[in-house]
């Protein structure tokens, strides 16, 4: 069992920055693909960024060059640095851990990000 707890959401003005954190209850990064997803009202959930056990990263086109996914293995924590935020980035952001062997997924509870002036 894995618990994921997100933090760092909030209200920010357009052009601002936020850093989201996702802390896992145990060490999992060596065997899980980690990802950040978001869901805006009335829209489907979408993958924002992911990082593999080997450290390879991937991003949605809409956030490339603005968002950076990273992790701190010693802290069992994954991050999403979000810069140059736009109103269309407003959504509930959730972290996800996918077991590479079983494909089982764990989800965090989500954190609200609102970009508005």
C-alpha atoms as a PDB file:
ATOM      1  CA  UNK A   1       0.000   0.000   0.000  1.00  0.00           C
ATOM      2  CA  UNK A   2       1.176   3.502  -0.830  1.00  0.00           C
ATOM      3  CA  UNK A   3      -0.235   6.781   0.418  1.00  0.00           C
ATOM      4  CA  UNK A   4       0.412   9.920  -1.618  1.00  0.00           C
ATOM      5  CA  UNK A   5      -0.093  13.349  -0.112  1.00  0.00           C
ATOM      6  CA  UNK A   6       0.014  16.488  -2.231  1.00  0.00           C
ATOM      7  CA  UNK A   7       0.640  20.009  -1.046  1.00  0.00           C
ATOM      8  CA  UNK A   8       1.508  23.408  -2.451  1.00  0.00           C
ATOM      9  CA  UNK A   9      -1.610  24.402  -4.346  1.00  0.00           C
ATOM     10  CA  UNK A  10      -3.247  27.776  -4.031  1.00  0.00           C
ATOM     11  CA  UNK A  11      -4.221  30.993  -5.754  1.00  0.00           C
ATOM     12  CA  UNK A  12      -1.647  32.724  -7.942  1.00  0.00           C
ATOM     13  CA  UNK A  13      -1.763  35.551 -10.454  1.00  0.00           C
ATOM     14  CA  UNK A  14      -1.102  34.920 -14.149  1.00  0.00           C
ATOM     15  CA  UNK A  15       2.621  34.770 -14.778  1.00  0.00           C
ATOM     16  CA  UNK A  16       3.305  33.564 -11.264  1.00  0.00           C
ATOM     17  CA  UNK A  17       4.820  30.347  -9.962  1.00  0.00           C
ATOM     18  CA  UNK A  18       3.883  27.511  -7.642  1.00  0.00           C
ATOM     19  CA  UNK A  19       5.613  24.341  -6.553  1.00  0.00           C
ATOM     20  CA  UNK A  20       3.548  21.268  -5.846  1.00  0.00           C
ATOM     21  CA  UNK A  21       4.840  18.421  -3.696  1.00  0.00           C
ATOM     22  CA  UNK A  22       3.762  14.794  -3.532  1.00  0.00           C
ATOM     23  CA  UNK A  23       5.103  12.794  -0.613  1.00  0.00           C
ATOM     24  CA  UNK A  24       4.920   9.000  -0.745  1.00  0.00           C
ATOM     25  CA  UNK A  25       4.502   6.959   2.430  1.00  0.00           C
ATOM     26  CA  UNK A  26       7.449   4.736   1.516  1.00  0.00           C
ATOM     27  CA  UNK A  27      10.302   4.519  -0.959  1.00  0.00           C
ATOM     28  CA  UNK A  28       8.781   3.685  -4.360  1.00  0.00           C
ATOM     29  CA  UNK A  29      10.564   5.722  -7.015  1.00  0.00           C
ATOM     30  CA  UNK A  30      12.808   2.842  -8.112  1.00  0.00           C
ATOM     31  CA  UNK A  31       9.838   0.735  -9.213  1.00  0.00           C
ATOM     32  CA  UNK A  32       7.079   3.203 -10.015  1.00  0.00           C
ATOM     33  CA  UNK A  33       6.410   5.705 -12.764  1.00  0.00           C
ATOM     34  CA  UNK A  34       5.327   8.903 -11.093  1.00  0.00           C
ATOM     35  CA  UNK A  35       3.080  11.470 -12.675  1.00  0.00           C
ATOM     36  CA  UNK A  36       1.137  14.655 -12.167  1.00  0.00           C
ATOM     37  CA  UNK A  37      -2.377  14.837 -13.574  1.00  0.00           C
ATOM     38  CA  UNK A  38      -4.865  17.670 -13.598  1.00  0.00           C
ATOM     39  CA  UNK A  39      -8.581  18.030 -14.095  1.00  0.00           C
ATOM     40  CA  UNK A  40     -10.314  21.305 -14.793  1.00  0.00           C
ATOM     41  CA  UNK A  41     -14.069  21.740 -14.303  1.00  0.00           C
ATOM     42  CA  UNK A  42     -15.986  20.149 -17.170  1.00  0.00           C
ATOM     43  CA  UNK A  43     -12.857  18.632 -18.686  1.00  0.00           C
ATOM     44  CA  UNK A  44     -11.247  15.218 -18.696  1.00  0.00           C
ATOM     45  CA  UNK A  45      -8.278  14.483 -16.508  1.00  0.00           C
ATOM     46  CA  UNK A  46      -5.016  14.904 -18.379  1.00  0.00           C
ATOM     47  CA  UNK A  47      -1.424  13.886 -17.785  1.00  0.00           C
ATOM     48  CA  UNK A  48       0.715  16.945 -17.150  1.00  0.00           C
ATOM     49  CA  UNK A  49       4.131  15.423 -16.525  1.00  0.00           C
ATOM     50  CA  UNK A  50       5.725  12.097 -15.673  1.00  0.00           C
ATOM     51  CA  UNK A  51       9.045  10.765 -14.478  1.00  0.00           C
ATOM     52  CA  UNK A  52      10.218   7.178 -14.774  1.00  0.00           C
ATOM     53  CA  UNK A  53      12.237   5.152 -12.321  1.00  0.00           C
ATOM     54  CA  UNK A  54      15.274   5.938 -14.446  1.00  0.00           C
ATOM     55  CA  UNK A  55      14.612   9.665 -14.296  1.00  0.00           C
ATOM     56  CA  UNK A  56      13.276  10.214 -17.804  1.00  0.00           C
ATOM     57  CA  UNK A  57      10.674  12.938 -17.966  1.00  0.00           C
ATOM     58  CA  UNK A  58       7.810  13.730 -20.289  1.00  0.00           C
ATOM     59  CA  UNK A  59       5.441  16.689 -20.483  1.00  0.00           C
ATOM     60  CA  UNK A  60       2.156  17.649 -22.054  1.00  0.00           C
ATOM     61  CA  UNK A  61       2.704  20.094 -24.917  1.00  0.00           C
ATOM     62  CA  UNK A  62       0.696  22.734 -23.078  1.00  0.00           C
ATOM     63  CA  UNK A  63       3.188  22.893 -20.185  1.00  0.00           C
ATOM     64  CA  UNK A  64       6.533  22.247 -21.877  1.00  0.00           C
ATOM     65  CA  UNK A  65       9.167  24.851 -21.001  1.00  0.00           C
ATOM     66  CA  UNK A  66       6.978  26.112 -18.132  1.00  0.00           C
ATOM     67  CA  UNK A  67       6.670  23.126 -15.783  1.00  0.00           C
ATOM     68  CA  UNK A  68       9.406  20.909 -14.388  1.00  0.00           C
ATOM     69  CA  UNK A  69       8.893  17.546 -12.709  1.00  0.00           C
ATOM     70  CA  UNK A  70      11.527  16.291 -10.290  1.00  0.00           C
ATOM     71  CA  UNK A  71      11.936  14.076  -7.272  1.00  0.00           C
ATOM     72  CA  UNK A  72      13.984  13.759  -4.108  1.00  0.00           C
ATOM     73  CA  UNK A  73      14.571  10.077  -3.447  1.00  0.00           C
ATOM     74  CA  UNK A  74      15.783  10.663   0.098  1.00  0.00           C
ATOM     75  CA  UNK A  75      12.530  12.445   0.971  1.00  0.00           C
ATOM     76  CA  UNK A  76      10.233  10.141  -1.052  1.00  0.00           C
ATOM     77  CA  UNK A  77       8.881  13.331  -2.557  1.00  0.00           C
ATOM     78  CA  UNK A  78       8.062  14.355  -6.107  1.00  0.00           C
ATOM     79  CA  UNK A  79       7.697  17.959  -7.187  1.00  0.00           C
ATOM     80  CA  UNK A  80       6.088  19.957  -9.944  1.00  0.00           C
ATOM     81  CA  UNK A  81       7.576  23.402 -10.418  1.00  0.00           C
ATOM     82  CA  UNK A  82       5.089  25.515 -12.344  1.00  0.00           C
ATOM     83  CA  UNK A  83       6.236  28.799 -13.840  1.00  0.00           C
ATOM     84  CA  UNK A  84       4.564  31.360 -16.097  1.00  0.00           C
ATOM     85  CA  UNK A  85       1.186  30.125 -14.964  1.00  0.00           C
ATOM     86  CA  UNK A  86      -1.849  30.842 -17.111  1.00  0.00           C
ATOM     87  CA  UNK A  87      -5.551  30.899 -16.238  1.00  0.00           C
ATOM     88  CA  UNK A  88      -5.971  27.729 -18.285  1.00  0.00           C
ATOM     89  CA  UNK A  89      -3.679  25.931 -15.823  1.00  0.00           C
ATOM     90  CA  UNK A  90      -6.432  26.202 -13.214  1.00  0.00           C
ATOM     91  CA  UNK A  91      -7.363  22.687 -12.122  1.00  0.00           C
ATOM     92  CA  UNK A  92      -7.137  20.111  -9.380  1.00  0.00           C
ATOM     93  CA  UNK A  93      -3.681  18.585  -9.590  1.00  0.00           C
ATOM     94  CA  UNK A  94      -3.189  15.004  -8.439  1.00  0.00           C
ATOM     95  CA  UNK A  95      -0.118  12.862  -8.174  1.00  0.00           C
ATOM     96  CA  UNK A  96      -0.082   9.284  -9.339  1.00  0.00           C
ATOM     97  CA  UNK A  97       2.204   6.330  -8.817  1.00  0.00           C
ATOM     98  CA  UNK A  98       2.054   3.411 -11.256  1.00  0.00           C
ATOM     99  CA  UNK A  99       3.694   0.106 -10.387  1.00  0.00           C
ATOM    100  CA  UNK A 100       5.728  -0.828 -13.475  1.00  0.00           C
ATOM    101  CA  UNK A 101       5.200  -4.548 -12.876  1.00  0.00           C
ATOM    102  CA  UNK A 102       1.481  -4.673 -12.075  1.00  0.00           C
ATOM    103  CA  UNK A 103       0.289  -1.359 -13.567  1.00  0.00           C
ATOM    104  CA  UNK A 104      -1.579  -0.753 -10.317  1.00  0.00           C
ATOM    105  CA  UNK A 105      -2.052   2.947  -9.648  1.00  0.00           C
ATOM    106  CA  UNK A 106      -2.165   4.936  -6.454  1.00  0.00           C
ATOM    107  CA  UNK A 107      -3.599   8.453  -6.328  1.00  0.00           C
ATOM    108  CA  UNK A 108      -3.241  11.379  -4.029  1.00  0.00           C
ATOM    109  CA  UNK A 109      -6.202  13.416  -2.850  1.00  0.00           C
ATOM    110  CA  UNK A 110      -5.491  16.345  -5.153  1.00  0.00           C
ATOM    111  CA  UNK A 111      -4.642  19.982  -4.606  1.00  0.00           C
ATOM    112  CA  UNK A 112      -6.381  22.981  -6.151  1.00  0.00           C
ATOM    113  CA  UNK A 113      -4.415  25.389  -8.304  1.00  0.00           C
ATOM    114  CA  UNK A 114      -6.192  28.577  -9.320  1.00  0.00           C
ATOM    115  CA  UNK A 115      -4.591  31.092 -11.653  1.00  0.00           C
ATOM    116  CA  UNK A 116      -6.503  34.341 -11.602  1.00  0.00           C
ATOM    117  CA  UNK A 117      -5.991  38.063 -11.260  1.00  0.00           C
END
